[in-house]
């Protein structure tokens, strides 16, 4: 997996966040926070220097998995991509 794969997954996660019902602002905020963090680290070329990044994504997976399985699937794919990139 490559950085391009990760960018595609981030865009997919952005679409999932936008599709959440308006009543679920907490979930949307969590997903947008992950997106912002990933994009900032990619822009600064600091993905490999992100000790808390995987833990933050994993925490979001646990918080969202029951109510938002599609978003959770994307987050799991991001975790796999990061792992395959050695991060």
Protein backbone atom coordinates (compact mmCIF):
# COMPACT_ATOMS: atom_id res chain seq x y z
CA UNK A 1 0.00 0.00 0.00
CA UNK A 2 1.18 3.48 -0.72
CA UNK A 3 0.63 7.05 0.28
CA UNK A 4 -1.77 7.36 -2.67
CA UNK A 5 -3.85 4.52 -1.23
CA UNK A 6 -3.91 6.35 2.07
CA UNK A 7 -5.05 9.56 0.37
CA UNK A 8 -7.89 7.68 -1.31
CA UNK A 9 -8.95 6.19 2.01
CA UNK A 10 -8.87 9.62 3.65
CA UNK A 11 -11.14 10.94 0.91
CA UNK A 12 -13.48 8.00 1.42
CA UNK A 13 -13.52 8.72 5.16
CA UNK A 14 -14.32 12.37 4.40
CA UNK A 15 -17.36 11.22 2.39
CA UNK A 16 -18.46 8.92 5.22
CA UNK A 17 -18.19 11.80 7.70
CA UNK A 18 -20.23 14.07 5.43
CA UNK A 19 -22.92 11.41 5.08
CA UNK A 20 -23.50 11.07 8.82
CA UNK A 21 -26.83 12.36 10.08
CA UNK A 22 -26.83 15.91 11.41
CA UNK A 23 -27.76 14.59 14.82
CA UNK A 24 -24.40 12.82 15.16
CA UNK A 25 -22.03 15.75 15.44
CA UNK A 26 -19.77 13.88 17.88
CA UNK A 27 -19.02 11.15 15.36
CA UNK A 28 -18.50 13.69 12.56
CA UNK A 29 -16.12 15.70 14.75
CA UNK A 30 -14.14 12.56 15.63
CA UNK A 31 -13.76 11.58 11.98
CA UNK A 32 -12.84 15.09 10.91
CA UNK A 33 -10.20 15.19 13.64
CA UNK A 34 -8.63 11.98 12.32
CA UNK A 35 -8.75 13.34 8.77
CA UNK A 36 -7.13 16.62 9.81
CA UNK A 37 -4.41 14.81 11.76
CA UNK A 38 -3.61 12.44 8.89
CA UNK A 39 -3.53 15.22 6.32
CA UNK A 40 -1.35 17.46 8.49
CA UNK A 41 1.14 14.65 9.09
CA UNK A 42 1.22 13.79 5.39
CA UNK A 43 1.77 17.44 4.42
CA UNK A 44 4.65 17.68 6.89
CA UNK A 45 5.99 14.25 5.87
CA UNK A 46 5.64 13.10 9.48
CA UNK A 47 3.54 9.96 9.15
CA UNK A 48 6.34 7.73 10.37
CA UNK A 49 6.88 10.00 13.37
CA UNK A 50 3.35 9.66 14.73
CA UNK A 51 3.40 7.55 17.90
CA UNK A 52 -0.16 8.37 18.94
CA UNK A 53 -1.75 8.30 15.50
CA UNK A 54 -2.58 4.60 15.40
CA UNK A 55 -3.88 4.69 18.96
CA UNK A 56 -6.15 7.63 18.12
CA UNK A 57 -7.54 5.82 15.08
CA UNK A 58 -8.08 2.65 17.11
CA UNK A 59 -9.93 4.66 19.79
CA UNK A 60 -12.21 6.12 17.13
CA UNK A 61 -12.91 2.65 15.77
CA UNK A 62 -14.07 1.51 19.20
CA UNK A 63 -16.23 4.60 19.67
CA UNK A 64 -17.90 4.40 16.25
CA UNK A 65 -18.14 0.72 15.34
CA UNK A 66 -21.68 0.04 16.58
CA UNK A 67 -23.35 3.11 15.10
CA UNK A 68 -21.24 3.71 11.98
CA UNK A 69 -19.91 0.45 10.55
CA UNK A 70 -19.01 1.96 7.16
CA UNK A 71 -16.82 4.63 8.74
CA UNK A 72 -15.28 1.97 10.97
CA UNK A 73 -14.43 -0.12 7.90
CA UNK A 74 -12.61 2.84 6.35
CA UNK A 75 -10.74 3.49 9.60
CA UNK A 76 -9.70 -0.18 9.72
CA UNK A 77 -8.47 0.10 6.13
CA UNK A 78 -6.45 3.19 7.08
CA UNK A 79 -4.89 1.23 9.98
CA UNK A 80 -3.95 -1.60 7.59
CA UNK A 81 -2.49 0.86 5.10
CA UNK A 82 -0.41 2.55 7.79
CA UNK A 83 0.81 -0.85 8.98
CA UNK A 84 1.74 -1.85 5.44
CA UNK A 85 3.66 1.42 5.10
CA UNK A 86 5.60 0.49 8.24
CA UNK A 87 3.88 3.11 10.40
